[in-house]
Amino acid sequence: NPSESFEALSGCSCSSENEESYPDYLMRQASYFQTMHKTYQTQQLLCEKYTQQLLTQTTECSTQTEELAKKDTECLEEKAKVCTMDASVAAKSAVTCQAYSACHAAAKLSLEEMMNSVKAKQVHRFQEWNSTQSLDCFMDDFN
């Protein structure tokens, strides 16, 4: 019996409760470890693949982070320019509005003076017209 000769050589009796012999046990264990080894190799390849993907993604993220930082800096610079331009435009607008207000006030005063003059002349002309009509009426009476 091969099992007996192996037991004699190994010095141990390694049979399981179901009377599995030591060589059968070793074969079963070898099969189990081969399966485990294949599973380990598959998992190792997946791990290496995922590690590579992680490194690639980390590199992409770093690049994108750098690009974002550059864009952020550009945006801040552009915002500063716009704010400066806005301040410049606001200052120019204020000057323009002040000039317009002064011009408008002068034109309004001039218009009011002219309207007052026209009204006064209108009243004067109406009085002249009434006087002319009265004279015309007297003249008609003498004729």
C-alpha atoms as a PDB file:
ATOM      1  CA  ASN A   1       0.000   0.000   0.000  1.00  0.00           C
ATOM      2  CA  PRO A   2       1.540   3.325  -1.068  1.00  0.00           C
ATOM      3  CA  SER A   3      -0.063   5.116   1.845  1.00  0.00           C
ATOM      4  CA  GLU A   4       1.533   2.771   4.334  1.00  0.00           C
ATOM      5  CA  SER A   5       4.977   3.130   2.789  1.00  0.00           C
ATOM      6  CA  PHE A   6       4.630   6.910   2.849  1.00  0.00           C
ATOM      7  CA  GLU A   7       3.519   6.841   6.450  1.00  0.00           C
ATOM      8  CA  ALA A   8       6.463   4.638   7.250  1.00  0.00           C
ATOM      9  CA  LEU A   9       8.848   7.040   5.518  1.00  0.00           C
ATOM     10  CA  SER A  10       7.329  10.201   6.955  1.00  0.00           C
ATOM     11  CA  GLY A  11       6.915   8.836  10.417  1.00  0.00           C
ATOM     12  CA  CYS A  12       3.335  10.095  10.789  1.00  0.00           C
ATOM     13  CA  SER A  13      -0.121   8.859  10.217  1.00  0.00           C
ATOM     14  CA  CYS A  14      -1.913  11.680   8.411  1.00  0.00           C
ATOM     15  CA  SER A  15      -5.275  10.407   7.502  1.00  0.00           C
ATOM     16  CA  SER A  16      -8.436  12.436   7.953  1.00  0.00           C
ATOM     17  CA  GLU A  17     -11.616  11.389   9.647  1.00  0.00           C
ATOM     18  CA  ASN A  18     -13.008  10.164   6.333  1.00  0.00           C
ATOM     19  CA  GLU A  19     -10.006   7.884   5.965  1.00  0.00           C
ATOM     20  CA  GLU A  20      -8.251  10.144   3.445  1.00  0.00           C
ATOM     21  CA  SER A  21      -4.687   9.051   2.962  1.00  0.00           C
ATOM     22  CA  TYR A  22      -1.759  11.389   3.359  1.00  0.00           C
ATOM     23  CA  PRO A  23      -0.961  11.449  -0.393  1.00  0.00           C
ATOM     24  CA  ASP A  24      -4.621  12.167  -1.155  1.00  0.00           C
ATOM     25  CA  TYR A  25      -4.532  14.902   1.455  1.00  0.00           C
ATOM     26  CA  LEU A  26      -1.392  16.348  -0.139  1.00  0.00           C
ATOM     27  CA  MET A  27      -2.974  16.173  -3.599  1.00  0.00           C
ATOM     28  CA  ARG A  28      -6.064  17.922  -2.308  1.00  0.00           C
ATOM     29  CA  GLN A  29      -3.928  20.555  -0.627  1.00  0.00           C
ATOM     30  CA  ALA A  30      -1.793  20.968  -3.776  1.00  0.00           C
ATOM     31  CA  SER A  31      -4.949  21.441  -5.835  1.00  0.00           C
ATOM     32  CA  TYR A  32      -6.255  23.953  -3.279  1.00  0.00           C
ATOM     33  CA  PHE A  33      -2.960  25.881  -3.270  1.00  0.00           C
ATOM     34  CA  GLN A  34      -2.787  25.843  -7.066  1.00  0.00           C
ATOM     35  CA  THR A  35      -6.281  27.345  -7.171  1.00  0.00           C
ATOM     36  CA  MET A  36      -5.294  29.862  -4.506  1.00  0.00           C
ATOM     37  CA  HIS A  37      -2.084  30.638  -6.420  1.00  0.00           C
ATOM     38  CA  LYS A  38      -4.065  31.272  -9.648  1.00  0.00           C
ATOM     39  CA  THR A  39      -6.534  33.445  -7.725  1.00  0.00           C
ATOM     40  CA  TYR A  40      -3.624  35.314  -6.153  1.00  0.00           C
ATOM     41  CA  GLN A  41      -1.981  35.843  -9.555  1.00  0.00           C
ATOM     42  CA  THR A  42      -5.286  37.106 -11.010  1.00  0.00           C
ATOM     43  CA  GLN A  43      -5.782  39.429  -8.057  1.00  0.00           C
ATOM     44  CA  GLN A  44      -2.190  40.604  -8.316  1.00  0.00           C
ATOM     45  CA  LEU A  45      -2.641  41.435 -12.026  1.00  0.00           C
ATOM     46  CA  LEU A  46      -5.869  43.288 -11.218  1.00  0.00           C
ATOM     47  CA  CYS A  47      -4.110  45.132  -8.421  1.00  0.00           C
ATOM     48  CA  GLU A  48      -1.265  46.103 -10.761  1.00  0.00           C
ATOM     49  CA  LYS A  49      -3.816  47.218 -13.373  1.00  0.00           C
ATOM     50  CA  TYR A  50      -5.734  49.287 -10.822  1.00  0.00           C
ATOM     51  CA  THR A  51      -2.475  50.683  -9.448  1.00  0.00           C
ATOM     52  CA  GLN A  52      -1.497  51.789 -12.962  1.00  0.00           C
ATOM     53  CA  GLN A  53      -4.933  53.310 -13.493  1.00  0.00           C
ATOM     54  CA  LEU A  54      -4.609  55.114 -10.172  1.00  0.00           C
ATOM     55  CA  LEU A  55      -1.181  56.459 -11.118  1.00  0.00           C
ATOM     56  CA  THR A  56      -2.513  57.592 -14.498  1.00  0.00           C
ATOM     57  CA  GLN A  57      -5.528  59.232 -12.895  1.00  0.00           C
ATOM     58  CA  THR A  58      -3.346  60.823 -10.219  1.00  0.00           C
ATOM     59  CA  THR A  59      -1.133  62.277 -12.950  1.00  0.00           C
ATOM     60  CA  GLU A  60      -4.198  63.553 -14.825  1.00  0.00           C
ATOM     61  CA  CYS A  61      -5.602  65.031 -11.637  1.00  0.00           C
ATOM     62  CA  SER A  62      -2.291  66.721 -10.870  1.00  0.00           C
ATOM     63  CA  THR A  63      -2.202  68.159 -14.384  1.00  0.00           C
ATOM     64  CA  GLN A  64      -5.797  69.316 -14.116  1.00  0.00           C
ATOM     65  CA  THR A  65      -5.122  70.767 -10.657  1.00  0.00           C
ATOM     66  CA  GLU A  66      -2.206  72.730 -12.091  1.00  0.00           C
ATOM     67  CA  GLU A  67      -4.381  73.911 -15.000  1.00  0.00           C
ATOM     68  CA  LEU A  68      -7.105  74.881 -12.547  1.00  0.00           C
ATOM     69  CA  ALA A  69      -4.624  76.844 -10.468  1.00  0.00           C
ATOM     70  CA  LYS A  70      -3.425  78.652 -13.622  1.00  0.00           C
ATOM     71  CA  LYS A  71      -7.028  79.398 -14.673  1.00  0.00           C
ATOM     72  CA  ASP A  72      -7.812  80.570 -11.153  1.00  0.00           C
ATOM     73  CA  THR A  73      -4.845  82.930 -11.284  1.00  0.00           C
ATOM     74  CA  GLU A  74      -5.916  84.149 -14.740  1.00  0.00           C
ATOM     75  CA  CYS A  75      -9.453  84.714 -13.466  1.00  0.00           C
ATOM     76  CA  LEU A  76      -8.201  86.674 -10.467  1.00  0.00           C
ATOM     77  CA  GLU A  77      -6.005  88.796 -12.741  1.00  0.00           C
ATOM     78  CA  GLU A  78      -8.917  89.351 -15.138  1.00  0.00           C
ATOM     79  CA  LYS A  79     -11.188  90.230 -12.236  1.00  0.00           C
ATOM     80  CA  ALA A  80      -8.630  92.749 -10.993  1.00  0.00           C
ATOM     81  CA  LYS A  81      -8.490  94.280 -14.495  1.00  0.00           C
ATOM     82  CA  VAL A  82     -12.287  94.426 -14.695  1.00  0.00           C
ATOM     83  CA  CYS A  83     -12.499  95.986 -11.248  1.00  0.00           C
ATOM     84  CA  THR A  84      -9.887  98.536 -12.271  1.00  0.00           C
ATOM     85  CA  MET A  85     -11.769  99.179 -15.512  1.00  0.00           C
ATOM     86  CA  ASP A  86     -15.026  99.382 -13.594  1.00  0.00           C
ATOM     87  CA  ALA A  87     -13.481 101.932 -11.262  1.00  0.00           C
ATOM     88  CA  SER A  88     -12.145 103.840 -14.270  1.00  0.00           C
ATOM     89  CA  VAL A  89     -15.517 103.689 -16.024  1.00  0.00           C
ATOM     90  CA  ALA A  90     -17.258 104.715 -12.819  1.00  0.00           C
ATOM     91  CA  ALA A  91     -14.909 107.673 -12.432  1.00  0.00           C
ATOM     92  CA  LYS A  92     -15.421 108.684 -16.069  1.00  0.00           C
ATOM     93  CA  SER A  93     -19.168 108.239 -15.653  1.00  0.00           C
ATOM     94  CA  ALA A  94     -19.143 110.426 -12.571  1.00  0.00           C
ATOM     95  CA  VAL A  95     -17.231 113.147 -14.439  1.00  0.00           C
ATOM     96  CA  THR A  96     -19.583 112.820 -17.418  1.00  0.00           C
ATOM     97  CA  CYS A  97     -22.638 112.922 -15.156  1.00  0.00           C
ATOM     98  CA  GLN A  98     -21.324 115.977 -13.341  1.00  0.00           C
ATOM     99  CA  ALA A  99     -20.639 117.692 -16.663  1.00  0.00           C
ATOM    100  CA  TYR A 100     -24.092 116.706 -17.920  1.00  0.00           C
ATOM    101  CA  SER A 101     -25.736 117.889 -14.726  1.00  0.00           C
ATOM    102  CA  ALA A 102     -24.006 121.260 -14.982  1.00  0.00           C
ATOM    103  CA  CYS A 103     -24.883 121.522 -18.694  1.00  0.00           C
ATOM    104  CA  HIS A 104     -28.469 120.412 -18.050  1.00  0.00           C
ATOM    105  CA  ALA A 105     -28.871 122.862 -15.201  1.00  0.00           C
ATOM    106  CA  ALA A 106     -27.546 125.714 -17.365  1.00  0.00           C
ATOM    107  CA  ALA A 107     -29.798 124.699 -20.292  1.00  0.00           C
ATOM    108  CA  LYS A 108     -32.805 124.394 -17.977  1.00  0.00           C
ATOM    109  CA  LEU A 109     -32.127 127.828 -16.494  1.00  0.00           C
ATOM    110  CA  SER A 110     -31.725 129.265 -19.980  1.00  0.00           C
ATOM    111  CA  LEU A 111     -35.001 127.623 -21.077  1.00  0.00           C
ATOM    112  CA  GLU A 112     -36.810 128.948 -18.013  1.00  0.00           C
ATOM    113  CA  GLU A 113     -35.459 132.461 -18.662  1.00  0.00           C
ATOM    114  CA  MET A 114     -36.474 132.239 -22.303  1.00  0.00           C
ATOM    115  CA  MET A 115     -39.965 130.933 -21.392  1.00  0.00           C
ATOM    116  CA  ASN A 116     -40.387 133.763 -18.888  1.00  0.00           C
ATOM    117  CA  SER A 117     -39.274 136.236 -21.547  1.00  0.00           C
ATOM    118  CA  VAL A 118     -41.647 134.702 -24.115  1.00  0.00           C
ATOM    119  CA  LYS A 119     -44.534 134.810 -21.629  1.00  0.00           C
ATOM    120  CA  ALA A 120     -43.750 138.408 -20.776  1.00  0.00           C
ATOM    121  CA  LYS A 121     -43.596 139.277 -24.476  1.00  0.00           C
ATOM    122  CA  GLN A 122     -46.825 137.357 -25.053  1.00  0.00           C
ATOM    123  CA  VAL A 123     -48.552 139.354 -22.322  1.00  0.00           C
ATOM    124  CA  HIS A 124     -47.086 142.567 -23.808  1.00  0.00           C
ATOM    125  CA  ARG A 125     -48.182 141.621 -27.328  1.00  0.00           C
ATOM    126  CA  PHE A 126     -51.640 140.679 -26.069  1.00  0.00           C
ATOM    127  CA  GLN A 127     -51.869 144.095 -24.459  1.00  0.00           C
ATOM    128  CA  GLU A 128     -50.671 145.683 -27.717  1.00  0.00           C
ATOM    129  CA  TRP A 129     -53.248 143.624 -29.641  1.00  0.00           C
ATOM    130  CA  ASN A 130     -56.005 144.697 -27.278  1.00  0.00           C
ATOM    131  CA  SER A 131     -54.859 148.272 -27.639  1.00  0.00           C
ATOM    132  CA  THR A 132     -54.746 147.927 -31.414  1.00  0.00           C
ATOM    133  CA  GLN A 133     -58.224 146.411 -31.412  1.00  0.00           C
ATOM    134  CA  SER A 134     -59.506 149.205 -29.234  1.00  0.00           C
ATOM    135  CA  LEU A 135     -57.964 151.813 -31.540  1.00  0.00           C
ATOM    136  CA  ASP A 136     -59.370 150.009 -34.538  1.00  0.00           C
ATOM    137  CA  CYS A 137     -62.789 150.071 -32.920  1.00  0.00           C
ATOM    138  CA  PHE A 138     -62.523 153.829 -32.171  1.00  0.00           C
ATOM    139  CA  MET A 139     -61.436 154.464 -35.714  1.00  0.00           C
ATOM    140  CA  ASP A 140     -64.430 152.578 -37.016  1.00  0.00           C
ATOM    141  CA  ASP A 141     -66.665 154.736 -34.825  1.00  0.00           C
ATOM    142  CA  PHE A 142     -65.209 157.965 -36.296  1.00  0.00           C
ATOM    143  CA  ASN A 143     -65.633 156.877 -39.826  1.00  0.00           C
END
